[in-house]
Amino acid sequence: MRYRFEYKYLISAYTATLLKIRIKAIMRPDSHSGGTYIVNNLYLDDRYDNLYRAKYMGQFQRDKYRLRYYNNDMSFIRLERKHKDGIMSYKETIPVSQEQYMRIKAGDLEFIHEEIDPLWQKLSVLQKIRGLRPTAVYSYQREAYVYELGDVRFTFDSPPFCPEQDAVFGYDPLSCSYGKEDYSLLLEVKYTAFMPEIIKQLLNGLPLAHTGISKYCVARERGYLPYGKI
């Protein structure tokens, strides 16, 4: 597994504008939709909310399970396990069919016990022992930039905390607001072995509020379409 460093900052729209001016001179937009796209998530947790509690309590090692697709397009869906050791993390992913997604979203996880992929098997164990189930759906708009040396990735989630609605209901993430004008975006900075000095300099002198915020925890705490209300 390839570990990555990950840092999160709450920033203002003004700070984001200044940073993007710097970024565009050095980094390139991510290949997804020219760098800006919608991220759609369906989160899973057990009946005891252990995954939520692990983050809330600041547990050093913890996991997050989610199903993810982009731009409301369910033709390509992934099941992801994100494992974190402090500020370092890695992901395991496998493709998921739309039928499998809809069954999981409806709370039907019985089929996963027949799947042979190791990631499915991990879910199977959690479901059998701790009653794994869907707990929240949640989407946001993301703007991403990459730098090959060091495998650096900057992402701006704007607005960072909005509920998901299916495309048939006309979901528009730009109609949502975070409610704090001074800190309206979430900046995530990720890299593998090292961050080049030229990338570090992009952040110099900017007002960045370091945060350990979790979109999953926010979705649960604010009641964004929890399981049972979908």
Protein backbone atom coordinates (compact mmCIF):
# COMPACT_ATOMS: atom_id res chain seq x y z
CA MET A 1 0.00 0.00 0.00
CA ARG A 2 1.23 3.49 -0.86
CA TYR A 3 0.95 5.90 2.05
CA ARG A 4 0.40 9.61 1.46
CA PHE A 5 0.72 12.63 3.72
CA GLU A 6 -2.50 14.61 4.06
CA TYR A 7 -3.10 18.06 5.55
CA LYS A 8 -6.39 19.97 5.71
CA TYR A 9 -6.99 23.70 6.02
CA LEU A 10 -10.09 25.86 6.22
CA ILE A 11 -9.57 28.91 4.01
CA SER A 12 -11.55 31.89 2.79
CA ALA A 13 -12.65 32.36 -0.80
CA TYR A 14 -10.24 35.30 -1.05
CA THR A 15 -7.30 33.17 0.13
CA ALA A 16 -8.31 30.45 -2.33
CA THR A 17 -8.25 32.98 -5.17
CA LEU A 18 -4.72 34.12 -4.25
CA LEU A 19 -3.50 30.54 -3.91
CA LYS A 20 -4.99 29.48 -7.24
CA ILE A 21 -3.15 32.31 -9.00
CA ARG A 22 0.10 30.91 -7.62
CA ILE A 23 -0.85 27.30 -8.29
CA LYS A 24 -1.76 27.79 -11.94
CA ALA A 25 1.75 28.99 -12.71
CA ILE A 26 3.26 25.72 -11.50
CA MET A 27 0.67 22.96 -11.21
CA ARG A 28 -1.84 21.62 -13.73
CA PRO A 29 -5.54 20.88 -13.28
CA ASP A 30 -6.48 17.31 -12.49
CA SER A 31 -7.66 15.32 -15.50
CA HIS A 32 -11.22 15.00 -14.11
CA SER A 33 -13.48 17.40 -16.05
CA GLY A 34 -10.76 20.00 -16.46
CA GLY A 35 -10.03 19.97 -12.74
CA THR A 36 -13.51 20.78 -11.38
CA TYR A 37 -16.08 18.10 -10.66
CA ILE A 38 -18.69 16.85 -8.18
CA VAL A 39 -17.76 14.10 -5.73
CA ASN A 40 -20.66 11.85 -4.69
CA ASN A 41 -20.23 9.73 -1.55
CA LEU A 42 -22.22 7.05 0.26
CA TYR A 43 -20.67 6.36 3.67
CA LEU A 44 -20.83 3.11 5.64
CA ASP A 45 -20.50 2.50 9.37
CA ASP A 46 -21.42 -0.21 11.87
CA ARG A 47 -24.38 -0.27 14.25
CA TYR A 48 -22.18 1.17 17.00
CA ASP A 49 -20.86 4.03 14.84
CA ASN A 50 -17.31 2.92 15.56
CA LEU A 51 -15.87 4.56 12.44
CA TYR A 52 -17.50 7.86 13.32
CA ARG A 53 -16.41 7.60 16.95
CA ALA A 54 -12.81 6.76 15.99
CA LYS A 55 -12.51 10.06 14.13
CA TYR A 56 -14.44 12.04 16.74
CA MET A 57 -12.20 10.72 19.53
CA GLY A 58 -9.01 11.40 17.58
CA GLN A 59 -7.97 7.76 17.26
CA PHE A 60 -4.54 7.56 15.57
CA GLN A 61 -5.39 4.56 13.39
CA ARG A 62 -8.83 4.46 11.80
CA ASP A 63 -10.72 3.43 8.68
CA LYS A 64 -13.41 4.97 6.50
CA TYR A 65 -15.60 3.01 4.09
CA ARG A 66 -17.45 4.74 1.28
CA LEU A 67 -18.82 4.28 -2.21
CA ARG A 68 -17.86 7.09 -4.56
CA TYR A 69 -18.69 8.32 -8.05
CA TYR A 70 -18.31 11.64 -9.84
CA ASN A 71 -20.50 14.28 -11.50
CA ASN A 72 -23.69 12.37 -10.66
CA ASP A 73 -22.58 9.75 -13.20
CA MET A 74 -23.13 6.26 -11.83
CA SER A 75 -21.51 4.47 -14.78
CA PHE A 76 -18.29 4.18 -12.75
CA ILE A 77 -18.57 3.65 -8.98
CA ARG A 78 -15.84 2.62 -6.57
CA LEU A 79 -15.87 1.06 -3.14
CA GLU A 80 -13.08 2.59 -1.06
CA ARG A 81 -11.44 1.82 2.24
CA LYS A 82 -9.36 4.76 3.44
CA HIS A 83 -6.97 3.87 6.24
CA LYS A 84 -5.30 6.62 8.26
CA ASP A 85 -2.28 6.59 10.56
CA GLY A 86 -2.25 10.15 11.87
CA ILE A 87 -1.48 12.46 8.94
CA MET A 88 -0.64 9.52 6.65
CA SER A 89 -3.18 7.49 4.73
CA TYR A 90 -3.70 4.99 1.93
CA LYS A 91 -6.71 3.76 -0.02
CA GLU A 92 -7.93 0.41 -1.30
CA THR A 93 -10.48 0.57 -4.12
CA ILE A 94 -12.53 -1.79 -6.28
CA PRO A 95 -15.21 -1.12 -8.91
CA VAL A 96 -18.87 -1.47 -7.93
CA SER A 97 -21.87 -1.90 -10.23
CA GLN A 98 -24.83 0.44 -10.09
CA GLU A 99 -27.00 -2.46 -8.95
CA GLN A 100 -24.62 -3.22 -6.08
CA TYR A 101 -24.56 0.45 -5.13
CA MET A 102 -28.35 0.68 -5.02
CA ARG A 103 -28.61 -2.48 -2.94
CA ILE A 104 -26.10 -1.16 -0.41
CA LYS A 105 -27.80 2.23 -0.34
CA ALA A 106 -31.09 0.43 0.45
CA GLY A 107 -29.42 -1.43 3.32
CA ASP A 108 -29.16 -4.81 1.55
CA LEU A 109 -25.59 -6.03 2.10
CA GLU A 110 -26.23 -9.76 2.03
CA PHE A 111 -24.67 -10.17 -1.42
CA ILE A 112 -21.24 -9.01 -0.24
CA HIS A 113 -20.72 -12.29 1.64
CA GLU A 114 -20.43 -14.06 -1.74
CA GLU A 115 -17.83 -11.68 -3.16
CA ILE A 116 -14.20 -12.85 -3.22
CA ASP A 117 -12.21 -9.62 -3.46
CA PRO A 118 -10.32 -8.93 -0.18
CA LEU A 119 -11.98 -5.52 0.21
CA TRP A 120 -15.45 -7.05 -0.10
CA GLN A 121 -14.39 -9.65 2.46
CA LYS A 122 -13.38 -6.96 4.91
CA LEU A 123 -16.85 -5.46 4.57
CA SER A 124 -18.38 -8.90 4.96
CA VAL A 125 -16.62 -9.41 8.31
CA LEU A 126 -17.72 -5.98 9.54
CA GLN A 127 -21.29 -6.62 8.46
CA LYS A 128 -21.47 -10.02 10.15
CA ILE A 129 -19.82 -8.97 13.41
CA ARG A 130 -20.82 -5.32 13.81
CA GLY A 131 -23.78 -4.81 11.51
CA LEU A 132 -22.28 -2.61 8.79
CA ARG A 133 -24.84 -0.35 7.11
CA PRO A 134 -25.13 2.87 5.05
CA THR A 135 -25.20 5.97 7.25
CA ALA A 136 -25.02 9.10 5.06
CA VAL A 137 -24.90 10.34 1.48
CA TYR A 138 -22.99 13.49 0.82
CA SER A 139 -21.68 15.45 -2.20
CA TYR A 140 -19.52 18.49 -2.82
CA GLN A 141 -17.76 20.30 -5.65
CA ARG A 142 -14.00 19.81 -5.93
CA GLU A 143 -11.33 21.70 -7.84
CA ALA A 144 -8.04 19.81 -8.05
CA TYR A 145 -4.46 20.53 -9.14
CA VAL A 146 -1.50 18.16 -9.39
CA TYR A 147 2.30 18.32 -9.54
CA GLU A 148 4.09 15.19 -10.71
CA LEU A 149 7.28 15.50 -8.66
CA GLY A 150 6.39 14.20 -5.21
CA ASP A 151 2.92 13.22 -6.47
CA VAL A 152 1.48 16.42 -4.96
CA ARG A 153 -2.26 17.14 -5.07
CA PHE A 154 -4.11 20.28 -3.94
CA THR A 155 -7.91 20.12 -3.76
CA PHE A 156 -10.42 22.88 -3.00
CA ASP A 157 -13.78 21.59 -1.81
CA SER A 158 -16.31 24.35 -2.37
CA PRO A 159 -18.66 24.48 -0.67
CA PRO A 160 -17.25 21.73 1.52
CA PHE A 161 -20.34 20.52 3.36
CA CYS A 162 -23.46 19.90 1.30
CA PRO A 163 -25.97 17.04 1.25
CA GLU A 164 -26.19 14.80 -1.75
CA GLN A 165 -29.33 14.62 -3.81
CA ASP A 166 -29.72 12.40 -6.84
CA ALA A 167 -29.32 14.01 -10.22
CA VAL A 168 -33.03 13.57 -10.92
CA PHE A 169 -33.75 16.11 -8.18
CA GLY A 170 -31.51 18.70 -9.82
CA TYR A 171 -28.71 18.69 -7.24
CA ASP A 172 -26.61 21.84 -7.47
CA PRO A 173 -23.68 22.04 -5.00
CA LEU A 174 -23.18 25.73 -5.76
CA SER A 175 -26.54 26.48 -4.13
CA CYS A 176 -25.22 25.27 -0.77
CA SER A 177 -23.29 27.34 1.74
CA TYR A 178 -21.02 26.45 4.62
CA GLY A 179 -22.34 29.19 6.87
CA LYS A 180 -18.94 30.70 7.77
CA GLU A 181 -17.93 33.37 5.28
CA ASP A 182 -14.38 33.63 6.62
CA TYR A 183 -13.73 29.90 6.15
CA SER A 184 -15.84 28.86 3.21
CA LEU A 185 -13.59 26.27 1.54
CA LEU A 186 -11.64 23.21 2.57
CA LEU A 187 -8.13 22.90 1.17
CA GLU A 188 -6.50 19.47 1.21
CA VAL A 189 -2.78 19.09 0.49
CA LYS A 190 -1.54 15.56 -0.25
CA TYR A 191 1.80 14.15 -1.33
CA THR A 192 3.79 10.91 -1.15
CA ALA A 193 7.45 10.84 -0.13
CA PHE A 194 8.17 14.57 -0.05
CA MET A 195 6.82 18.00 -0.97
CA PRO A 196 9.08 19.97 -3.34
CA GLU A 197 10.27 23.35 -2.04
CA ILE A 198 8.58 25.15 -4.93
CA ILE A 199 5.23 23.75 -3.78
CA LYS A 200 5.86 24.69 -0.13
CA GLN A 201 6.43 28.28 -1.22
CA LEU A 202 2.93 28.42 -2.70
CA LEU A 203 1.53 28.42 0.84
CA ASN A 204 3.87 31.06 2.27
CA GLY A 205 2.18 34.04 3.89
CA LEU A 206 -1.37 32.79 3.45
CA PRO A 207 -3.86 32.61 6.36
CA LEU A 208 -4.50 28.87 6.62
CA ALA A 209 -6.50 27.42 9.50
CA HIS A 210 -5.27 23.87 10.04
CA THR A 211 -8.13 21.46 10.71
CA GLY A 212 -8.78 17.77 11.23
CA ILE A 213 -12.36 18.10 10.04
CA SER A 214 -14.03 15.06 8.49
CA LYS A 215 -16.72 15.37 5.83
CA TYR A 216 -18.21 12.12 7.05
CA CYS A 217 -18.49 13.39 10.63
CA VAL A 218 -20.00 16.66 9.45
CA ALA A 219 -22.51 14.77 7.32
CA ARG A 220 -23.53 12.67 10.33
CA GLU A 221 -23.68 15.58 12.77
CA ARG A 222 -25.70 17.81 10.47
CA GLY A 223 -28.06 15.05 9.44
CA TYR A 224 -27.37 15.17 5.71
CA LEU A 225 -29.70 12.47 4.41
CA PRO A 226 -28.82 9.78 6.96
CA TYR A 227 -29.78 6.19 6.37
CA GLY A 228 -33.52 5.79 6.81
CA LYS A 229 -34.30 9.19 5.25
CA ILE A 230 -33.00 8.43 1.76
